[in-house]
Amino acid sequence: MRVDNLGRDNIAEFKKKLKICLVSAPYYKDITDNLVSGALNILRKIKADTEIVEVSGALEIPTAIKLMENEFDGFIAIGCVIRGETTHYEIVSTESSRGLVNLGLEKICIGNAILTVENKTQAEQRADPKIFDKGGEACSALLSIIKIKERLH
C-alpha cells in the first residue's frame, strides 16, 4: 500500500466530510491565532467541519483530545512553549509531546502544532502562515494520517 504525502497543494479527497478539532492553548494568543489561521486555510479547502477548543496550557491538550476522541475525525494541537530560565520549558515541551505521541499510538489522528522555541521571534516566524506556516504543516500531517487510517478501514 502506498499513501501519498499530502502537501498544502495536494489536498486529497476523503470518504466523508471530516470533522476536525483544533485544541489550542492560547497563552501566546498572537502566536496561536496564526497557527490556527494556517490550519484553517487548509481545512477550508477540503470543506471540513471545524471546532476550536481552548485549554489553559500545552499540558492539557492531550487530555482534552482524549476526552473528545469520539467526537472528531482528527485533532490539531496548537500551542507555544518558549524557553525560559527554569526547567518548566523542558517539562511542558517533553510531556505535551509524549502525550500526543501516546494518543497517536492509540489510533487518534493528531497534527502537532505546539511550537517549542527559544524566543518569541522564532515563534512568530514559525506561526506566520506567510513564513513557516507550522499550523498549515500540522494540518497537512494530520490529513496524511487520516488518509492512512481511512485506507486501513
Protein backbone atom coordinates (compact mmCIF):
# COMPACT_ATOMS: atom_id res chain seq x y z
CA MET A 1 0.00 0.00 0.00
CA ARG A 2 1.32 3.44 -0.91
CA VAL A 3 -0.06 6.57 0.69
CA ASP A 4 0.97 9.80 -0.98
CA ASN A 5 2.12 12.69 1.14
CA LEU A 6 -0.50 15.42 1.31
CA GLY A 7 1.22 18.73 0.78
CA ARG A 8 -0.58 22.05 1.01
CA ASP A 9 -1.27 21.99 -2.72
CA ASN A 10 -2.13 18.30 -2.88
CA ILE A 11 -5.41 18.06 -1.00
CA ALA A 12 -6.80 14.56 -1.24
CA GLU A 13 -10.41 13.54 -1.23
CA PHE A 14 -11.78 11.77 1.79
CA LYS A 15 -14.55 9.18 2.12
CA LYS A 16 -16.67 11.57 4.15
CA LYS A 17 -16.71 15.18 5.25
CA LEU A 18 -14.13 15.47 8.02
CA LYS A 19 -14.82 16.88 11.46
CA ILE A 20 -11.61 18.38 12.87
CA CYS A 21 -10.98 19.94 16.28
CA LEU A 22 -8.22 22.46 16.86
CA VAL A 23 -7.23 22.25 20.52
CA SER A 24 -5.46 25.48 21.39
CA ALA A 25 -3.57 26.66 24.45
CA PRO A 26 -3.61 30.42 23.81
CA TYR A 27 -1.03 31.57 26.33
CA TYR A 28 0.68 33.43 23.46
CA LYS A 29 -2.55 34.35 21.69
CA ASP A 30 -0.95 36.15 18.74
CA ILE A 31 1.15 33.05 18.03
CA THR A 32 -1.68 30.55 18.42
CA ASP A 33 -4.03 32.71 16.33
CA ASN A 34 -1.54 32.49 13.45
CA LEU A 35 -1.19 28.73 13.90
CA VAL A 36 -4.98 28.37 13.83
CA SER A 37 -5.15 30.55 10.72
CA GLY A 38 -2.61 28.39 8.88
CA ALA A 39 -4.50 25.20 9.73
CA LEU A 40 -7.89 26.67 8.81
CA ASN A 41 -6.56 27.77 5.41
CA ILE A 42 -6.16 24.09 4.52
CA LEU A 43 -9.27 22.83 6.28
CA ARG A 44 -11.40 25.31 4.31
CA LYS A 45 -10.07 23.85 1.05
CA ILE A 46 -11.44 20.42 1.93
CA LYS A 47 -14.59 21.94 3.47
CA ALA A 48 -14.04 20.22 6.82
CA ASP A 49 -16.29 20.97 9.75
CA THR A 50 -14.08 22.59 12.37
CA GLU A 51 -14.28 23.48 16.01
CA ILE A 52 -11.75 25.31 18.16
CA VAL A 53 -11.47 24.31 21.81
CA GLU A 54 -9.25 26.30 24.15
CA VAL A 55 -7.45 24.84 27.15
CA SER A 56 -5.28 26.54 29.74
CA GLY A 57 -1.90 25.19 28.64
CA ALA A 58 0.02 22.78 26.41
CA LEU A 59 -0.03 20.08 29.09
CA GLU A 60 -3.84 20.00 28.98
CA ILE A 61 -4.04 19.49 25.20
CA PRO A 62 -3.59 15.67 25.23
CA THR A 63 -6.21 15.27 27.97
CA ALA A 64 -8.71 17.41 26.05
CA ILE A 65 -8.10 15.36 22.90
CA LYS A 66 -8.61 12.10 24.76
CA LEU A 67 -11.87 13.35 26.26
CA MET A 68 -13.19 14.30 22.79
CA GLU A 69 -11.70 11.43 20.77
CA ASN A 70 -15.07 10.04 19.68
CA GLU A 71 -16.46 13.39 18.53
CA PHE A 72 -13.91 14.18 15.79
CA ASP A 73 -12.02 12.53 12.95
CA GLY A 74 -8.83 14.29 13.95
CA PHE A 75 -7.20 16.97 16.05
CA ILE A 76 -4.61 19.69 15.66
CA ALA A 77 -2.72 20.51 18.85
CA ILE A 78 -1.89 24.21 18.93
CA GLY A 79 0.32 25.99 21.42
CA CYS A 80 3.65 27.63 22.03
CA VAL A 81 6.31 26.94 24.64
CA ILE A 82 9.17 29.44 24.84
CA ARG A 83 12.32 28.57 26.74
CA GLY A 84 12.70 30.49 29.99
CA GLU A 85 15.05 30.46 32.94
CA THR A 86 13.63 27.35 34.64
CA THR A 87 13.11 23.70 33.74
CA HIS A 88 9.42 24.38 33.06
CA TYR A 89 10.15 24.55 29.30
CA GLU A 90 11.63 21.03 29.24
CA ILE A 91 8.79 19.56 31.27
CA VAL A 92 6.00 21.16 29.22
CA SER A 93 7.55 20.51 25.82
CA THR A 94 8.51 16.91 26.62
CA GLU A 95 5.31 15.89 28.38
CA SER A 96 2.90 17.52 25.92
CA SER A 97 4.73 15.80 23.05
CA ARG A 98 4.76 12.49 24.90
CA GLY A 99 1.02 12.78 25.50
CA LEU A 100 0.33 13.43 21.81
CA VAL A 101 2.54 10.55 20.69
CA ASN A 102 0.80 8.20 23.12
CA LEU A 103 -2.60 9.25 21.77
CA GLY A 104 -1.38 8.70 18.22
CA LEU A 105 -0.38 5.18 19.16
CA GLU A 106 -3.99 4.72 20.32
CA LYS A 107 -5.03 5.48 16.71
CA ILE A 108 -6.19 9.03 17.40
CA CYS A 109 -5.24 11.20 14.42
CA ILE A 110 -3.30 14.29 15.52
CA GLY A 111 -1.27 17.03 13.88
CA ASN A 112 1.17 18.69 16.27
CA ALA A 113 1.48 22.48 16.08
CA ILE A 114 2.83 23.02 19.59
CA LEU A 115 5.86 25.19 18.93
CA THR A 116 8.87 24.70 21.19
CA VAL A 117 11.21 27.62 20.61
CA GLU A 118 13.99 29.66 22.15
CA ASN A 119 12.34 33.07 21.83
CA LYS A 120 9.24 34.91 20.67
CA THR A 121 10.77 35.92 17.33
CA GLN A 122 11.25 32.26 16.42
CA ALA A 123 7.66 31.56 17.44
CA GLU A 124 6.29 34.45 15.38
CA GLN A 125 8.13 33.30 12.26
CA ARG A 126 7.13 29.66 12.64
CA ALA A 127 3.49 30.51 13.29
CA ASP A 128 3.12 33.04 10.47
CA PRO A 129 1.19 31.46 7.57
CA LYS A 130 3.27 33.55 5.16
CA ILE A 131 6.64 32.40 6.52
CA PHE A 132 6.99 28.90 8.02
CA ASP A 133 3.25 28.12 8.46
CA LYS A 134 3.64 25.44 11.12
CA GLY A 135 -0.15 25.42 11.63
CA GLY A 136 -0.60 24.52 7.97
CA GLU A 137 2.14 21.89 8.21
CA ALA A 138 0.47 20.29 11.22
CA CYS A 139 -2.82 20.23 9.33
CA SER A 140 -1.17 18.54 6.32
CA ALA A 141 0.41 15.99 8.65
CA LEU A 142 -2.97 15.31 10.24
CA LEU A 143 -4.64 14.81 6.86
CA SER A 144 -1.93 12.33 5.85
CA ILE A 145 -2.59 10.30 9.00
CA ILE A 146 -6.37 10.42 8.46
CA LYS A 147 -5.85 9.21 4.88
CA ILE A 148 -3.80 6.25 6.12
CA LYS A 149 -6.45 5.38 8.71
CA GLU A 150 -9.15 5.67 6.05
CA ARG A 151 -7.35 3.25 3.75
CA LEU A 152 -6.96 0.72 6.53
CA HIS A 153 -10.66 0.73 7.45
